[in-house]
C-alpha atoms as a PDB file:
ATOM      1  CA  MET A   1       0.026  -0.038   0.011  1.00  0.00           C
ATOM      2  CA  ALA A   2       1.404   3.395  -1.032  1.00  0.00           C
ATOM      3  CA  PHE A   3       1.331   6.283   1.383  1.00  0.00           C
ATOM      4  CA  ALA A   4      -0.303   9.496   0.238  1.00  0.00           C
ATOM      5  CA  LYS A   5       1.759  12.683   0.331  1.00  0.00           C
ATOM      6  CA  ILE A   6       0.269  15.872   1.754  1.00  0.00           C
ATOM      7  CA  ASP A   7       0.455  17.354  -1.753  1.00  0.00           C
ATOM      8  CA  ASP A   8      -1.976  14.753  -2.917  1.00  0.00           C
ATOM      9  CA  PHE A   9      -4.841  16.432  -0.984  1.00  0.00           C
ATOM     10  CA  ASP A  10      -6.767  19.565  -1.694  1.00  0.00           C
ATOM     11  CA  ARG A  11      -5.932  22.732   0.322  1.00  0.00           C
ATOM     12  CA  GLU A  12      -9.192  22.626   2.345  1.00  0.00           C
ATOM     13  CA  THR A  13      -8.442  19.022   3.540  1.00  0.00           C
ATOM     14  CA  ILE A  14      -4.887  20.075   4.444  1.00  0.00           C
ATOM     15  CA  GLU A  15      -6.083  22.997   6.437  1.00  0.00           C
ATOM     16  CA  MET A  16      -8.681  20.825   8.268  1.00  0.00           C
ATOM     17  CA  ALA A  17      -5.901  18.385   9.169  1.00  0.00           C
ATOM     18  CA  GLU A  18      -3.714  21.278  10.423  1.00  0.00           C
ATOM     19  CA  PHE A  19      -6.629  22.646  12.484  1.00  0.00           C
ATOM     20  CA  ALA A  20      -7.364  19.232  13.934  1.00  0.00           C
ATOM     21  CA  GLY A  21      -3.700  18.754  14.739  1.00  0.00           C
ATOM     22  CA  ALA A  22      -3.669  21.954  16.739  1.00  0.00           C
ATOM     23  CA  LEU A  23      -6.516  20.520  18.815  1.00  0.00           C
ATOM     24  CA  SER A  24      -4.765  17.268  19.351  1.00  0.00           C
ATOM     25  CA  HIS A  25      -3.888  17.858  23.000  1.00  0.00           C
ATOM     26  CA  PRO A  26      -6.314  18.403  25.932  1.00  0.00           C
ATOM     27  CA  ALA A  27      -4.416  21.361  27.125  1.00  0.00           C
ATOM     28  CA  ARG A  28      -5.111  23.248  23.825  1.00  0.00           C
ATOM     29  CA  ILE A  29      -8.771  22.417  24.084  1.00  0.00           C
ATOM     30  CA  ALA A  30      -8.741  23.712  27.678  1.00  0.00           C
ATOM     31  CA  LEU A  31      -6.930  26.950  26.615  1.00  0.00           C
ATOM     32  CA  LEU A  32      -9.472  27.607  23.816  1.00  0.00           C
ATOM     33  CA  THR A  33     -12.383  26.912  26.137  1.00  0.00           C
ATOM     34  CA  TYR A  34     -10.955  29.283  28.839  1.00  0.00           C
ATOM     35  CA  LEU A  35     -10.415  31.992  26.215  1.00  0.00           C
ATOM     36  CA  ILE A  36     -14.013  31.796  25.157  1.00  0.00           C
ATOM     37  CA  ASP A  37     -15.073  33.238  28.433  1.00  0.00           C
ATOM     38  CA  HIS A  38     -11.939  35.236  29.155  1.00  0.00           C
ATOM     39  CA  PRO A  39     -10.853  36.988  25.946  1.00  0.00           C
ATOM     40  CA  GLY A  40      -7.580  38.924  26.323  1.00  0.00           C
ATOM     41  CA  ALA A  41      -6.342  36.665  29.189  1.00  0.00           C
ATOM     42  CA  PRO A  42      -2.617  36.848  29.843  1.00  0.00           C
ATOM     43  CA  CYS A  43      -0.627  33.579  30.206  1.00  0.00           C
ATOM     44  CA  ARG A  44      -0.413  34.029  33.968  1.00  0.00           C
ATOM     45  CA  ASP A  45      -4.228  33.874  34.233  1.00  0.00           C
ATOM     46  CA  LEU A  46      -4.313  30.718  32.090  1.00  0.00           C
ATOM     47  CA  VAL A  47      -1.686  29.129  34.306  1.00  0.00           C
ATOM     48  CA  ASP A  48      -3.667  30.148  37.449  1.00  0.00           C
ATOM     49  CA  HIS A  49      -6.822  28.461  36.188  1.00  0.00           C
ATOM     50  CA  LEU A  50      -5.633  25.466  34.250  1.00  0.00           C
ATOM     51  CA  PRO A  51      -3.424  22.540  35.248  1.00  0.00           C
ATOM     52  CA  LEU A  52      -0.497  23.846  33.205  1.00  0.00           C
ATOM     53  CA  SER A  53       2.941  25.119  34.047  1.00  0.00           C
ATOM     54  CA  GLN A  54       3.968  28.424  32.520  1.00  0.00           C
ATOM     55  CA  PRO A  55       6.360  26.757  30.019  1.00  0.00           C
ATOM     56  CA  SER A  56       3.728  24.257  29.061  1.00  0.00           C
ATOM     57  CA  CYS A  57       1.086  26.891  28.670  1.00  0.00           C
ATOM     58  CA  SER A  58       3.428  28.977  26.481  1.00  0.00           C
ATOM     59  CA  ARG A  59       4.294  25.978  24.320  1.00  0.00           C
ATOM     60  CA  HIS A  60       0.593  25.120  23.723  1.00  0.00           C
ATOM     61  CA  LEU A  61      -0.299  28.725  23.008  1.00  0.00           C
ATOM     62  CA  SER A  62       2.498  28.685  20.465  1.00  0.00           C
ATOM     63  CA  GLU A  63       0.948  25.752  18.695  1.00  0.00           C
ATOM     64  CA  LEU A  64      -2.458  27.498  18.700  1.00  0.00           C
ATOM     65  CA  ARG A  65      -0.892  30.633  17.359  1.00  0.00           C
ATOM     66  CA  LYS A  66       0.844  28.675  14.529  1.00  0.00           C
ATOM     67  CA  ALA A  67      -2.577  27.314  13.536  1.00  0.00           C
ATOM     68  CA  ASP A  68      -3.923  30.891  13.574  1.00  0.00           C
ATOM     69  CA  LEU A  69      -6.521  29.876  16.193  1.00  0.00           C
ATOM     70  CA  VAL A  70      -5.321  32.373  18.822  1.00  0.00           C
ATOM     71  CA  SER A  71      -3.794  35.830  18.467  1.00  0.00           C
ATOM     72  CA  ALA A  72      -1.386  37.404  20.904  1.00  0.00           C
ATOM     73  CA  THR A  73      -1.217  41.138  21.655  1.00  0.00           C
ATOM     74  CA  PRO A  74       1.490  42.733  23.746  1.00  0.00           C
ATOM     75  CA  HIS A  75       0.078  44.715  26.678  1.00  0.00           C
ATOM     76  CA  GLY A  76       2.664  46.299  28.969  1.00  0.00           C
ATOM     77  CA  ASN A  77       4.881  43.507  30.400  1.00  0.00           C
ATOM     78  CA  GLU A  78       2.511  40.740  29.352  1.00  0.00           C
ATOM     79  CA  VAL A  79       0.933  39.226  26.287  1.00  0.00           C
ATOM     80  CA  ARG A  80      -2.854  38.844  26.030  1.00  0.00           C
ATOM     81  CA  TYR A  81      -4.460  36.054  24.055  1.00  0.00           C
ATOM     82  CA  GLU A  82      -7.715  35.893  22.224  1.00  0.00           C
ATOM     83  CA  LEU A  83      -9.455  33.387  20.020  1.00  0.00           C
ATOM     84  CA  ASN A  84      -9.429  33.917  16.272  1.00  0.00           C
ATOM     85  CA  ILE A  85     -13.147  33.357  15.937  1.00  0.00           C
ATOM     86  CA  GLU A  86     -13.210  33.808  12.206  1.00  0.00           C
ATOM     87  CA  ARG A  87     -10.638  31.170  11.646  1.00  0.00           C
ATOM     88  CA  ILE A  88     -12.472  28.769  13.903  1.00  0.00           C
ATOM     89  CA  LYS A  89     -15.798  29.421  12.164  1.00  0.00           C
ATOM     90  CA  LEU A  90     -14.122  28.766   8.789  1.00  0.00           C
ATOM     91  CA  PHE A  91     -12.871  25.414   9.969  1.00  0.00           C
ATOM     92  CA  CYS A  92     -16.264  24.413  11.451  1.00  0.00           C
ATOM     93  CA  ASP A  93     -18.028  25.348   8.244  1.00  0.00           C
ATOM     94  CA  ALA A  94     -15.505  23.465   6.119  1.00  0.00           C
ATOM     95  CA  PHE A  95     -15.703  20.419   8.336  1.00  0.00           C
ATOM     96  CA  ARG A  96     -19.518  20.516   8.358  1.00  0.00           C
ATOM     97  CA  ASN A  97     -19.484  20.808   4.490  1.00  0.00           C
ATOM     98  CA  SER A  98     -17.082  17.899   4.243  1.00  0.00           C
ATOM     99  CA  LEU A  99     -19.487  15.721   6.259  1.00  0.00           C
ATOM    100  CA  ASN A 100     -22.325  16.600   4.010  1.00  0.00           C
ATOM    101  CA  ARG A 101     -20.582  15.187   0.924  1.00  0.00           C
ATOM    102  CA  PRO A 102     -22.020  11.991  -0.628  1.00  0.00           C
ATOM    103  CA  SER A 103     -18.717  10.259   0.109  1.00  0.00           C
ATOM    104  CA  CYS A 104     -19.468  10.506   3.815  1.00  0.00           C
ATOM    105  CA  GLY A 105     -22.679   8.457   3.560  1.00  0.00           C
ATOM    106  CA  ASN A 106     -25.147  11.263   2.931  1.00  0.00           C
END
């Protein structure tokens, strides 16, 4: 069996895989969930409310930023984090549309 290369897939499928990869750790889900109710939270708030060390929190936020799911804004001596709601909505819409394709049993 031959393995498919990433280039063998359409851009939308690749982006969905990248988005899903960014969500592949429970800490990242927890960070996104916290930011829903606390937009603009600095890393120290996230560390205070989630079972994460500061280095771990920063590492997971970095992954979420790479996937463009979270934005970071410098604010004095700290950085504040917010969800990129438009990017998240785009993924949800694309994923929903992919599930409505005939190849998915519909």
